[in-house]
Amino acid sequence: MLNSSKDYTLFTIAVILLLYFHLKSNLMLLNYQQKQTALNEADQKCENIFVIHGLFGSLSNLSGLATALQEYHHIISIDLRNHGSSPHSPSMSYQEMANDLFELADHLNIEHFSIIGHSMGGKVAMTCALLQPERINKLIIADIAPVAYADKHSDIFTGLQAVANQQIKSRKSADLILSQYVKTAELRQFLLKSLQKKGDDYHLQFNLASVIANYDAIRGWLAIDNIFNKEALFIKGGNSDYISPENQTDILRLFPKAKAKVIENTGHWLHAEKPKIFNRLVRQFFN
């Protein structure tokens, strides 16, 4: 029972502190890699650009793009939570992952920046732009839309669990196990990039248990009552079904200045399949 205004003030402060520390506990400092341009910012207006990988990936996935942009811009490639060398967490909502990125930007004393995100990383980028549009300059989204998707990864999860449940002595043995569930060699090669040797065995670097537990949120989309009324470019793989004509309304409702480019004869991993074309489109957008 609060008996005085002083009691009420102390109670209010206590609640605010509890909320603050709760929010801080859900944040983490992500692993990142910077590529600084050699140009003087006084001679050339440089963008700070965060580059975000997709599900099962790491910052190395878009290293070619980071190098291509480095000539004129400052590039910060990141590992999302539960991926690469970033900390693990039992939760990974898009709001949490967006807040992780803002926390890193604050740590680096970067107030305004642009973002490039592929797949799940694109959803993180869109969430950032809708949560704090005043901080985001430009946006590039690679082959993903602000919508919920059907389950596309059941076989992959089963295969990765089979790998995780075995003592893996070589990449070849991991590939043999995974090939029983994932038939495409290129996809297996991508997934097994996460294998890291610890002692005598290989282990998956990403937090598979947390990814599976949060998969409904990852393939979903949390509606945010806001718009990003600045430049945005959506790049679609011509053979990919991740962005459909029906998604145009959803995209333009949230990103009214969005433009679209299609890279023909390429799938969802368009940045890896057609890197020269993808990098050129990105450079043209920023330069």
C-alpha atoms as a PDB file:
ATOM      1  CA  MET A   1       0.000   0.000   0.000  1.00  0.00           C
ATOM      2  CA  LEU A   2       1.443   3.397  -1.011  1.00  0.00           C
ATOM      3  CA  ASN A   3       0.852   5.873   1.818  1.00  0.00           C
ATOM      4  CA  SER A   4       2.452   9.022   0.454  1.00  0.00           C
ATOM      5  CA  SER A   5       3.665  10.764  -2.684  1.00  0.00           C
ATOM      6  CA  LYS A   6       7.217   9.893  -1.631  1.00  0.00           C
ATOM      7  CA  ASP A   7       6.312   6.195  -1.538  1.00  0.00           C
ATOM      8  CA  TYR A   8       4.746   6.490  -4.987  1.00  0.00           C
ATOM      9  CA  THR A   9       7.848   8.230  -6.385  1.00  0.00           C
ATOM     10  CA  LEU A  10      10.152   5.533  -5.000  1.00  0.00           C
ATOM     11  CA  PHE A  11       7.854   2.829  -6.398  1.00  0.00           C
ATOM     12  CA  THR A  12       7.872   4.496  -9.839  1.00  0.00           C
ATOM     13  CA  ILE A  13      11.671   4.739  -9.861  1.00  0.00           C
ATOM     14  CA  ALA A  14      11.947   1.073  -8.869  1.00  0.00           C
ATOM     15  CA  VAL A  15       9.633   0.013 -11.724  1.00  0.00           C
ATOM     16  CA  ILE A  16      11.584   2.104 -14.253  1.00  0.00           C
ATOM     17  CA  LEU A  17      14.883   0.600 -13.087  1.00  0.00           C
ATOM     18  CA  LEU A  18      13.477  -2.926 -13.323  1.00  0.00           C
ATOM     19  CA  LEU A  19      12.245  -2.289 -16.864  1.00  0.00           C
ATOM     20  CA  TYR A  20      15.595  -0.755 -17.831  1.00  0.00           C
ATOM     21  CA  PHE A  21      17.642  -3.679 -16.580  1.00  0.00           C
ATOM     22  CA  HIS A  22      15.186  -6.138 -18.141  1.00  0.00           C
ATOM     23  CA  LEU A  23      15.658  -4.486 -21.523  1.00  0.00           C
ATOM     24  CA  LYS A  24      19.442  -4.324 -21.085  1.00  0.00           C
ATOM     25  CA  SER A  25      19.548  -8.004 -20.181  1.00  0.00           C
ATOM     26  CA  ASN A  26      17.994  -8.833 -23.574  1.00  0.00           C
ATOM     27  CA  LEU A  27      20.639  -6.819 -25.429  1.00  0.00           C
ATOM     28  CA  MET A  28      24.117  -8.026 -26.314  1.00  0.00           C
ATOM     29  CA  LEU A  29      27.204  -6.692 -28.024  1.00  0.00           C
ATOM     30  CA  LEU A  30      27.339  -8.442 -31.376  1.00  0.00           C
ATOM     31  CA  ASN A  31      30.487  -9.703 -33.022  1.00  0.00           C
ATOM     32  CA  TYR A  32      31.388  -7.402 -35.893  1.00  0.00           C
ATOM     33  CA  GLN A  33      34.065  -6.611 -38.451  1.00  0.00           C
ATOM     34  CA  GLN A  34      34.790  -3.155 -39.809  1.00  0.00           C
ATOM     35  CA  LYS A  35      36.182  -2.213 -43.212  1.00  0.00           C
ATOM     36  CA  GLN A  36      37.172   1.441 -43.283  1.00  0.00           C
ATOM     37  CA  THR A  37      37.447   3.421 -46.499  1.00  0.00           C
ATOM     38  CA  ALA A  38      40.822   4.972 -47.227  1.00  0.00           C
ATOM     39  CA  LEU A  39      39.119   8.144 -48.444  1.00  0.00           C
ATOM     40  CA  ASN A  40      39.008  11.250 -46.305  1.00  0.00           C
ATOM     41  CA  GLU A  41      35.440  11.993 -45.200  1.00  0.00           C
ATOM     42  CA  ALA A  42      36.083  15.691 -45.844  1.00  0.00           C
ATOM     43  CA  ASP A  43      36.650  14.892 -49.530  1.00  0.00           C
ATOM     44  CA  GLN A  44      33.982  12.237 -49.929  1.00  0.00           C
ATOM     45  CA  LYS A  45      30.710  11.819 -48.103  1.00  0.00           C
ATOM     46  CA  CYS A  46      30.936   8.274 -46.745  1.00  0.00           C
ATOM     47  CA  GLU A  47      28.039   6.155 -45.556  1.00  0.00           C
ATOM     48  CA  ASN A  48      28.250   3.994 -42.462  1.00  0.00           C
ATOM     49  CA  ILE A  49      26.675   0.764 -43.735  1.00  0.00           C
ATOM     50  CA  PHE A  50      25.752  -2.235 -41.594  1.00  0.00           C
ATOM     51  CA  VAL A  51      25.671  -5.536 -43.492  1.00  0.00           C
ATOM     52  CA  ILE A  52      23.497  -8.353 -42.090  1.00  0.00           C
ATOM     53  CA  HIS A  53      23.537 -12.025 -43.092  1.00  0.00           C
ATOM     54  CA  GLY A  54      20.588 -14.431 -43.210  1.00  0.00           C
ATOM     55  CA  LEU A  55      19.543 -17.537 -41.285  1.00  0.00           C
ATOM     56  CA  PHE A  56      22.379 -20.039 -40.591  1.00  0.00           C
ATOM     57  CA  GLY A  57      24.898 -17.477 -41.877  1.00  0.00           C
ATOM     58  CA  SER A  58      27.626 -15.252 -40.507  1.00  0.00           C
ATOM     59  CA  LEU A  59      29.356 -12.000 -41.370  1.00  0.00           C
ATOM     60  CA  SER A  60      31.674 -13.829 -43.798  1.00  0.00           C
ATOM     61  CA  ASN A  61      28.740 -14.545 -46.156  1.00  0.00           C
ATOM     62  CA  LEU A  62      28.703 -10.980 -47.484  1.00  0.00           C
ATOM     63  CA  SER A  63      32.438 -10.288 -47.216  1.00  0.00           C
ATOM     64  CA  GLY A  64      32.719  -9.819 -50.987  1.00  0.00           C
ATOM     65  CA  LEU A  65      30.073  -7.112 -50.890  1.00  0.00           C
ATOM     66  CA  ALA A  66      31.775  -5.435 -47.925  1.00  0.00           C
ATOM     67  CA  THR A  67      35.048  -5.316 -49.872  1.00  0.00           C
ATOM     68  CA  ALA A  68      33.290  -3.938 -52.962  1.00  0.00           C
ATOM     69  CA  LEU A  69      31.752  -1.107 -50.925  1.00  0.00           C
ATOM     70  CA  GLN A  70      34.858  -0.333 -48.875  1.00  0.00           C
ATOM     71  CA  GLU A  71      36.330   2.015 -51.496  1.00  0.00           C
ATOM     72  CA  TYR A  72      33.772   4.717 -50.691  1.00  0.00           C
ATOM     73  CA  HIS A  73      32.051   3.689 -47.450  1.00  0.00           C
ATOM     74  CA  HIS A  74      32.611   2.478 -43.904  1.00  0.00           C
ATOM     75  CA  ILE A  75      31.283  -1.092 -43.653  1.00  0.00           C
ATOM     76  CA  ILE A  76      30.297  -2.886 -40.450  1.00  0.00           C
ATOM     77  CA  SER A  77      29.506  -6.572 -41.020  1.00  0.00           C
ATOM     78  CA  ILE A  78      27.824  -8.289 -38.085  1.00  0.00           C
ATOM     79  CA  ASP A  79      27.009 -11.719 -36.719  1.00  0.00           C
ATOM     80  CA  LEU A  80      23.419 -11.738 -35.494  1.00  0.00           C
ATOM     81  CA  ARG A  81      22.706 -13.245 -32.070  1.00  0.00           C
ATOM     82  CA  ASN A  82      22.935 -17.045 -32.072  1.00  0.00           C
ATOM     83  CA  HIS A  83      25.078 -16.890 -35.219  1.00  0.00           C
ATOM     84  CA  GLY A  84      28.790 -16.716 -35.950  1.00  0.00           C
ATOM     85  CA  SER A  85      30.832 -15.476 -33.001  1.00  0.00           C
ATOM     86  CA  SER A  86      28.036 -13.416 -31.423  1.00  0.00           C
ATOM     87  CA  PRO A  87      26.616 -14.425 -28.022  1.00  0.00           C
ATOM     88  CA  HIS A  88      23.886 -17.041 -27.745  1.00  0.00           C
ATOM     89  CA  SER A  89      20.440 -16.309 -26.374  1.00  0.00           C
ATOM     90  CA  PRO A  90      17.249 -18.335 -25.775  1.00  0.00           C
ATOM     91  CA  SER A  91      15.246 -15.659 -27.614  1.00  0.00           C
ATOM     92  CA  MET A  92      15.702 -13.923 -30.963  1.00  0.00           C
ATOM     93  CA  SER A  93      12.686 -11.845 -31.929  1.00  0.00           C
ATOM     94  CA  TYR A  94      13.134  -9.277 -34.688  1.00  0.00           C
ATOM     95  CA  GLN A  95      12.729  -6.446 -32.196  1.00  0.00           C
ATOM     96  CA  GLU A  96      15.510  -7.933 -30.043  1.00  0.00           C
ATOM     97  CA  MET A  97      17.796  -8.381 -33.051  1.00  0.00           C
ATOM     98  CA  ALA A  98      17.093  -4.825 -34.216  1.00  0.00           C
ATOM     99  CA  ASN A  99      17.870  -3.511 -30.749  1.00  0.00           C
ATOM    100  CA  ASP A 100      21.129  -5.493 -30.792  1.00  0.00           C
ATOM    101  CA  LEU A 101      22.134  -3.576 -33.909  1.00  0.00           C
ATOM    102  CA  PHE A 102      21.227  -0.209 -32.364  1.00  0.00           C
ATOM    103  CA  GLU A 103      23.245  -1.174 -29.282  1.00  0.00           C
ATOM    104  CA  LEU A 104      26.262  -1.912 -31.473  1.00  0.00           C
ATOM    105  CA  ALA A 105      25.825   1.360 -33.374  1.00  0.00           C
ATOM    106  CA  ASP A 106      25.761   3.235 -30.058  1.00  0.00           C
ATOM    107  CA  HIS A 107      28.876   1.350 -28.932  1.00  0.00           C
ATOM    108  CA  LEU A 108      30.620   2.496 -32.127  1.00  0.00           C
ATOM    109  CA  ASN A 109      29.292   6.070 -31.723  1.00  0.00           C
ATOM    110  CA  ILE A 110      27.378   5.842 -35.000  1.00  0.00           C
ATOM    111  CA  GLU A 111      24.149   7.822 -34.861  1.00  0.00           C
ATOM    112  CA  HIS A 112      22.958   7.566 -38.480  1.00  0.00           C
ATOM    113  CA  PHE A 113      23.611   4.708 -40.880  1.00  0.00           C
ATOM    114  CA  SER A 114      22.308   2.585 -43.741  1.00  0.00           C
ATOM    115  CA  ILE A 115      21.640  -1.153 -43.699  1.00  0.00           C
ATOM    116  CA  ILE A 116      21.926  -4.017 -46.172  1.00  0.00           C
ATOM    117  CA  GLY A 117      20.210  -7.233 -45.106  1.00  0.00           C
ATOM    118  CA  HIS A 118      19.716 -10.589 -46.792  1.00  0.00           C
ATOM    119  CA  SER A 119      16.763 -12.865 -45.947  1.00  0.00           C
ATOM    120  CA  MET A 120      16.389 -12.943 -42.133  1.00  0.00           C
ATOM    121  CA  GLY A 121      18.922 -10.121 -42.030  1.00  0.00           C
ATOM    122  CA  GLY A 122      16.623  -8.179 -44.348  1.00  0.00           C
ATOM    123  CA  LYS A 123      13.794  -8.559 -41.853  1.00  0.00           C
ATOM    124  CA  VAL A 124      16.096  -7.277 -39.116  1.00  0.00           C
ATOM    125  CA  ALA A 125      16.995  -4.316 -41.341  1.00  0.00           C
ATOM    126  CA  MET A 126      13.330  -3.529 -42.050  1.00  0.00           C
ATOM    127  CA  THR A 127      12.529  -3.738 -38.342  1.00  0.00           C
ATOM    128  CA  CYS A 128      15.328  -1.270 -37.568  1.00  0.00           C
ATOM    129  CA  ALA A 129      14.015   1.148 -40.205  1.00  0.00           C
ATOM    130  CA  LEU A 130      10.473   0.990 -38.830  1.00  0.00           C
ATOM    131  CA  LEU A 131      11.450   1.217 -35.144  1.00  0.00           C
ATOM    132  CA  GLN A 132      13.850   4.167 -35.498  1.00  0.00           C
ATOM    133  CA  PRO A 133      13.486   5.598 -39.014  1.00  0.00           C
ATOM    134  CA  GLU A 134      15.188   8.832 -37.979  1.00  0.00           C
ATOM    135  CA  ARG A 135      18.500   6.954 -37.579  1.00  0.00           C
ATOM    136  CA  ILE A 136      18.435   5.046 -40.877  1.00  0.00           C
ATOM    137  CA  ASN A 137      19.568   6.746 -44.090  1.00  0.00           C
ATOM    138  CA  LYS A 138      18.960   4.102 -46.754  1.00  0.00           C
ATOM    139  CA  LEU A 139      17.917   0.467 -46.901  1.00  0.00           C
ATOM    140  CA  ILE A 140      18.720  -2.469 -49.181  1.00  0.00           C
ATOM    141  CA  ILE A 141      16.713  -5.671 -48.707  1.00  0.00           C
ATOM    142  CA  ALA A 142      17.868  -8.811 -50.508  1.00  0.00           C
ATOM    143  CA  ASP A 143      15.178 -11.343 -51.424  1.00  0.00           C
ATOM    144  CA  ILE A 144      12.755 -11.063 -48.511  1.00  0.00           C
ATOM    145  CA  ALA A 145       9.464  -9.237 -47.859  1.00  0.00           C
ATOM    146  CA  PRO A 146       7.818  -7.917 -44.675  1.00  0.00           C
ATOM    147  CA  VAL A 147       5.455 -10.902 -44.475  1.00  0.00           C
ATOM    148  CA  ALA A 148       5.145 -14.251 -42.695  1.00  0.00           C
ATOM    149  CA  TYR A 149       6.376 -17.315 -44.592  1.00  0.00           C
ATOM    150  CA  ALA A 150       5.457 -20.977 -44.579  1.00  0.00           C
ATOM    151  CA  ASP A 151       7.907 -23.470 -43.089  1.00  0.00           C
ATOM    152  CA  LYS A 152      10.770 -23.863 -45.587  1.00  0.00           C
ATOM    153  CA  HIS A 153      13.400 -25.447 -43.349  1.00  0.00           C
ATOM    154  CA  SER A 154      12.042 -28.660 -41.762  1.00  0.00           C
ATOM    155  CA  ASP A 155      14.415 -30.965 -43.665  1.00  0.00           C
ATOM    156  CA  ILE A 156      17.342 -28.672 -42.923  1.00  0.00           C
ATOM    157  CA  PHE A 157      16.571 -28.669 -39.198  1.00  0.00           C
ATOM    158  CA  THR A 158      16.287 -32.465 -39.150  1.00  0.00           C
ATOM    159  CA  GLY A 159      19.586 -32.817 -40.976  1.00  0.00           C
ATOM    160  CA  LEU A 160      21.410 -30.314 -38.772  1.00  0.00           C
ATOM    161  CA  GLN A 161      20.093 -32.040 -35.647  1.00  0.00           C
ATOM    162  CA  ALA A 162      21.431 -35.329 -36.992  1.00  0.00           C
ATOM    163  CA  VAL A 163      24.850 -33.673 -37.441  1.00  0.00           C
ATOM    164  CA  ALA A 164      24.712 -32.076 -33.982  1.00  0.00           C
ATOM    165  CA  ASN A 165      23.890 -35.408 -32.343  1.00  0.00           C
ATOM    166  CA  GLN A 166      27.003 -37.126 -33.714  1.00  0.00           C
ATOM    167  CA  GLN A 167      30.689 -36.815 -32.875  1.00  0.00           C
ATOM    168  CA  ILE A 168      31.901 -35.183 -36.076  1.00  0.00           C
ATOM    169  CA  LYS A 169      35.549 -35.854 -36.908  1.00  0.00           C
ATOM    170  CA  SER A 170      35.618 -34.302 -40.388  1.00  0.00           C
ATOM    171  CA  ARG A 171      33.620 -32.033 -42.687  1.00  0.00           C
ATOM    172  CA  LYS A 172      33.229 -34.975 -45.059  1.00  0.00           C
ATOM    173  CA  SER A 173      31.430 -37.045 -42.411  1.00  0.00           C
ATOM    174  CA  ALA A 174      29.153 -34.098 -41.575  1.00  0.00           C
ATOM    175  CA  ASP A 175      28.309 -33.673 -45.263  1.00  0.00           C
ATOM    176  CA  LEU A 176      27.524 -37.383 -45.545  1.00  0.00           C
ATOM    177  CA  ILE A 177      25.029 -37.182 -42.672  1.00  0.00           C
ATOM    178  CA  LEU A 178      23.467 -33.948 -43.926  1.00  0.00           C
ATOM    179  CA  SER A 179      23.145 -35.282 -47.484  1.00  0.00           C
ATOM    180  CA  GLN A 180      20.487 -37.721 -46.274  1.00  0.00           C
ATOM    181  CA  TYR A 181      18.203 -34.736 -45.605  1.00  0.00           C
ATOM    182  CA  VAL A 182      19.496 -31.906 -47.815  1.00  0.00           C
ATOM    183  CA  LYS A 183      20.060 -32.994 -51.417  1.00  0.00           C
ATOM    184  CA  THR A 184      21.553 -29.778 -52.822  1.00  0.00           C
ATOM    185  CA  ALA A 185      25.340 -29.819 -52.471  1.00  0.00           C
ATOM    186  CA  GLU A 186      25.640 -26.020 -52.588  1.00  0.00           C
ATOM    187  CA  LEU A 187      23.151 -25.632 -49.742  1.00  0.00           C
ATOM    188  CA  ARG A 188      24.986 -28.230 -47.642  1.00  0.00           C
ATOM    189  CA  GLN A 189      28.253 -26.416 -48.279  1.00  0.00           C
ATOM    190  CA  PHE A 190      26.697 -23.171 -47.032  1.00  0.00           C
ATOM    191  CA  LEU A 191      25.219 -24.777 -43.906  1.00  0.00           C
ATOM    192  CA  LEU A 192      28.470 -26.536 -43.019  1.00  0.00           C
ATOM    193  CA  LYS A 193      30.463 -23.296 -43.165  1.00  0.00           C
ATOM    194  CA  SER A 194      29.346 -23.014 -39.546  1.00  0.00           C
ATOM    195  CA  LEU A 195      31.312 -26.119 -38.527  1.00  0.00           C
ATOM    196  CA  GLN A 196      34.145 -25.186 -36.178  1.00  0.00           C
ATOM    197  CA  LYS A 197      36.702 -27.554 -34.712  1.00  0.00           C
ATOM    198  CA  LYS A 198      36.870 -27.683 -30.908  1.00  0.00           C
ATOM    199  CA  GLY A 199      39.321 -30.224 -29.584  1.00  0.00           C
ATOM    200  CA  ASP A 200      39.009 -33.400 -31.637  1.00  0.00           C
ATOM    201  CA  ASP A 201      35.446 -32.772 -32.895  1.00  0.00           C
ATOM    202  CA  TYR A 202      33.588 -30.345 -35.133  1.00  0.00           C
ATOM    203  CA  HIS A 203      30.578 -28.410 -33.814  1.00  0.00           C
ATOM    204  CA  LEU A 204      28.005 -26.096 -35.406  1.00  0.00           C
ATOM    205  CA  GLN A 205      28.754 -22.487 -34.527  1.00  0.00           C
ATOM    206  CA  PHE A 206      25.185 -21.225 -34.668  1.00  0.00           C
ATOM    207  CA  ASN A 207      22.819 -21.958 -31.777  1.00  0.00           C
ATOM    208  CA  LEU A 208      20.674 -24.594 -33.476  1.00  0.00           C
ATOM    209  CA  ALA A 209      18.412 -25.206 -30.463  1.00  0.00           C
ATOM    210  CA  SER A 210      17.519 -21.522 -30.162  1.00  0.00           C
ATOM    211  CA  VAL A 211      16.993 -21.113 -33.911  1.00  0.00           C
ATOM    212  CA  ILE A 212      14.551 -24.038 -33.893  1.00  0.00           C
ATOM    213  CA  ALA A 213      12.772 -22.762 -30.757  1.00  0.00           C
ATOM    214  CA  ASN A 214      12.352 -19.296 -32.324  1.00  0.00           C
ATOM    215  CA  TYR A 215      11.620 -20.441 -35.864  1.00  0.00           C
ATOM    216  CA  ASP A 216       7.969 -19.346 -35.832  1.00  0.00           C
ATOM    217  CA  ALA A 217       9.083 -15.803 -34.989  1.00  0.00           C
ATOM    218  CA  ILE A 218      11.897 -15.931 -37.566  1.00  0.00           C
ATOM    219  CA  ARG A 219       9.633 -16.946 -40.445  1.00  0.00           C
ATOM    220  CA  GLY A 220       6.903 -14.631 -39.173  1.00  0.00           C
ATOM    221  CA  TRP A 221       6.582 -10.867 -39.241  1.00  0.00           C
ATOM    222  CA  LEU A 222       5.654  -8.611 -36.336  1.00  0.00           C
ATOM    223  CA  ALA A 223       3.506  -5.717 -37.572  1.00  0.00           C
ATOM    224  CA  ILE A 224       4.930  -2.296 -36.659  1.00  0.00           C
ATOM    225  CA  ASP A 225       2.668   0.753 -36.922  1.00  0.00           C
ATOM    226  CA  ASN A 226       5.099   3.005 -38.766  1.00  0.00           C
ATOM    227  CA  ILE A 227       6.563   3.689 -42.214  1.00  0.00           C
ATOM    228  CA  PHE A 228      10.069   4.263 -43.545  1.00  0.00           C
ATOM    229  CA  ASN A 229       9.671   7.165 -45.943  1.00  0.00           C
ATOM    230  CA  LYS A 230      13.218   7.171 -47.336  1.00  0.00           C
ATOM    231  CA  GLU A 231      15.055   5.407 -50.140  1.00  0.00           C
ATOM    232  CA  ALA A 232      14.817   1.623 -50.084  1.00  0.00           C
ATOM    233  CA  LEU A 233      15.853  -0.952 -52.672  1.00  0.00           C
ATOM    234  CA  PHE A 234      14.465  -4.501 -52.765  1.00  0.00           C
ATOM    235  CA  ILE A 235      16.584  -6.914 -54.837  1.00  0.00           C
ATOM    236  CA  LYS A 236      14.892 -10.165 -55.863  1.00  0.00           C
ATOM    237  CA  GLY A 237      16.349 -13.367 -57.237  1.00  0.00           C
ATOM    238  CA  GLY A 238      14.524 -14.083 -60.489  1.00  0.00           C
ATOM    239  CA  ASN A 239      14.055 -17.770 -59.668  1.00  0.00           C
ATOM    240  CA  SER A 240      13.264 -17.216 -55.983  1.00  0.00           C
ATOM    241  CA  ASP A 241       9.738 -17.287 -54.522  1.00  0.00           C
ATOM    242  CA  TYR A 242      10.612 -15.213 -51.441  1.00  0.00           C
ATOM    243  CA  ILE A 243       9.253 -12.012 -53.018  1.00  0.00           C
ATOM    244  CA  SER A 244       6.024 -12.489 -54.990  1.00  0.00           C
ATOM    245  CA  PRO A 245       3.949  -9.942 -56.935  1.00  0.00           C
ATOM    246  CA  GLU A 246       1.409 -10.103 -54.087  1.00  0.00           C
ATOM    247  CA  ASN A 247       4.052  -8.749 -51.699  1.00  0.00           C
ATOM    248  CA  GLN A 248       4.268  -5.412 -53.543  1.00  0.00           C
ATOM    249  CA  THR A 249       1.363  -3.975 -51.539  1.00  0.00           C
ATOM    250  CA  ASP A 250       2.934  -5.015 -48.225  1.00  0.00           C
ATOM    251  CA  ILE A 251       6.275  -3.500 -49.222  1.00  0.00           C
ATOM    252  CA  LEU A 252       4.932  -0.169 -50.466  1.00  0.00           C
ATOM    253  CA  ARG A 253       2.654   0.248 -47.462  1.00  0.00           C
ATOM    254  CA  LEU A 254       5.671   0.253 -45.119  1.00  0.00           C
ATOM    255  CA  PHE A 255       8.313   1.540 -47.547  1.00  0.00           C
ATOM    256  CA  PRO A 256       6.498   3.942 -49.893  1.00  0.00           C
ATOM    257  CA  LYS A 257       9.717   5.025 -51.678  1.00  0.00           C
ATOM    258  CA  ALA A 258      10.862   1.461 -52.342  1.00  0.00           C
ATOM    259  CA  LYS A 259      12.271   0.500 -55.738  1.00  0.00           C
ATOM    260  CA  ALA A 260      12.794  -3.040 -57.000  1.00  0.00           C
ATOM    261  CA  LYS A 261      15.457  -4.805 -59.052  1.00  0.00           C
ATOM    262  CA  VAL A 262      15.417  -8.413 -60.250  1.00  0.00           C
ATOM    263  CA  ILE A 263      18.556 -10.472 -60.922  1.00  0.00           C
ATOM    264  CA  GLU A 264      17.482 -13.006 -63.508  1.00  0.00           C
ATOM    265  CA  ASN A 265      18.430 -16.697 -63.396  1.00  0.00           C
ATOM    266  CA  THR A 266      19.330 -16.639 -59.727  1.00  0.00           C
ATOM    267  CA  GLY A 267      17.738 -17.932 -56.538  1.00  0.00           C
ATOM    268  CA  HIS A 268      17.501 -16.875 -52.918  1.00  0.00           C
ATOM    269  CA  TRP A 269      21.292 -16.656 -52.387  1.00  0.00           C
ATOM    270  CA  LEU A 270      21.587 -14.067 -55.136  1.00  0.00           C
ATOM    271  CA  HIS A 271      24.623 -12.338 -53.598  1.00  0.00           C
ATOM    272  CA  ALA A 272      26.578 -15.617 -53.853  1.00  0.00           C
ATOM    273  CA  GLU A 273      25.186 -16.795 -57.211  1.00  0.00           C
ATOM    274  CA  LYS A 274      25.605 -13.507 -59.113  1.00  0.00           C
ATOM    275  CA  PRO A 275      27.990 -11.443 -56.946  1.00  0.00           C
ATOM    276  CA  LYS A 276      29.144  -9.046 -59.687  1.00  0.00           C
ATOM    277  CA  ILE A 277      25.601  -8.021 -60.603  1.00  0.00           C
ATOM    278  CA  PHE A 278      24.463  -7.870 -56.982  1.00  0.00           C
ATOM    279  CA  ASN A 279      27.454  -5.768 -55.899  1.00  0.00           C
ATOM    280  CA  ARG A 280      26.995  -3.425 -58.866  1.00  0.00           C
ATOM    281  CA  LEU A 281      23.341  -2.779 -57.980  1.00  0.00           C
ATOM    282  CA  VAL A 282      24.287  -2.052 -54.378  1.00  0.00           C
ATOM    283  CA  ARG A 283      27.118   0.299 -55.346  1.00  0.00           C
ATOM    284  CA  GLN A 284      24.903   2.178 -57.787  1.00  0.00           C
ATOM    285  CA  PHE A 285      22.269   2.642 -55.089  1.00  0.00           C
ATOM    286  CA  PHE A 286      24.730   4.213 -52.670  1.00  0.00           C
ATOM    287  CA  ASN A 287      26.955   6.093 -55.116  1.00  0.00           C
END
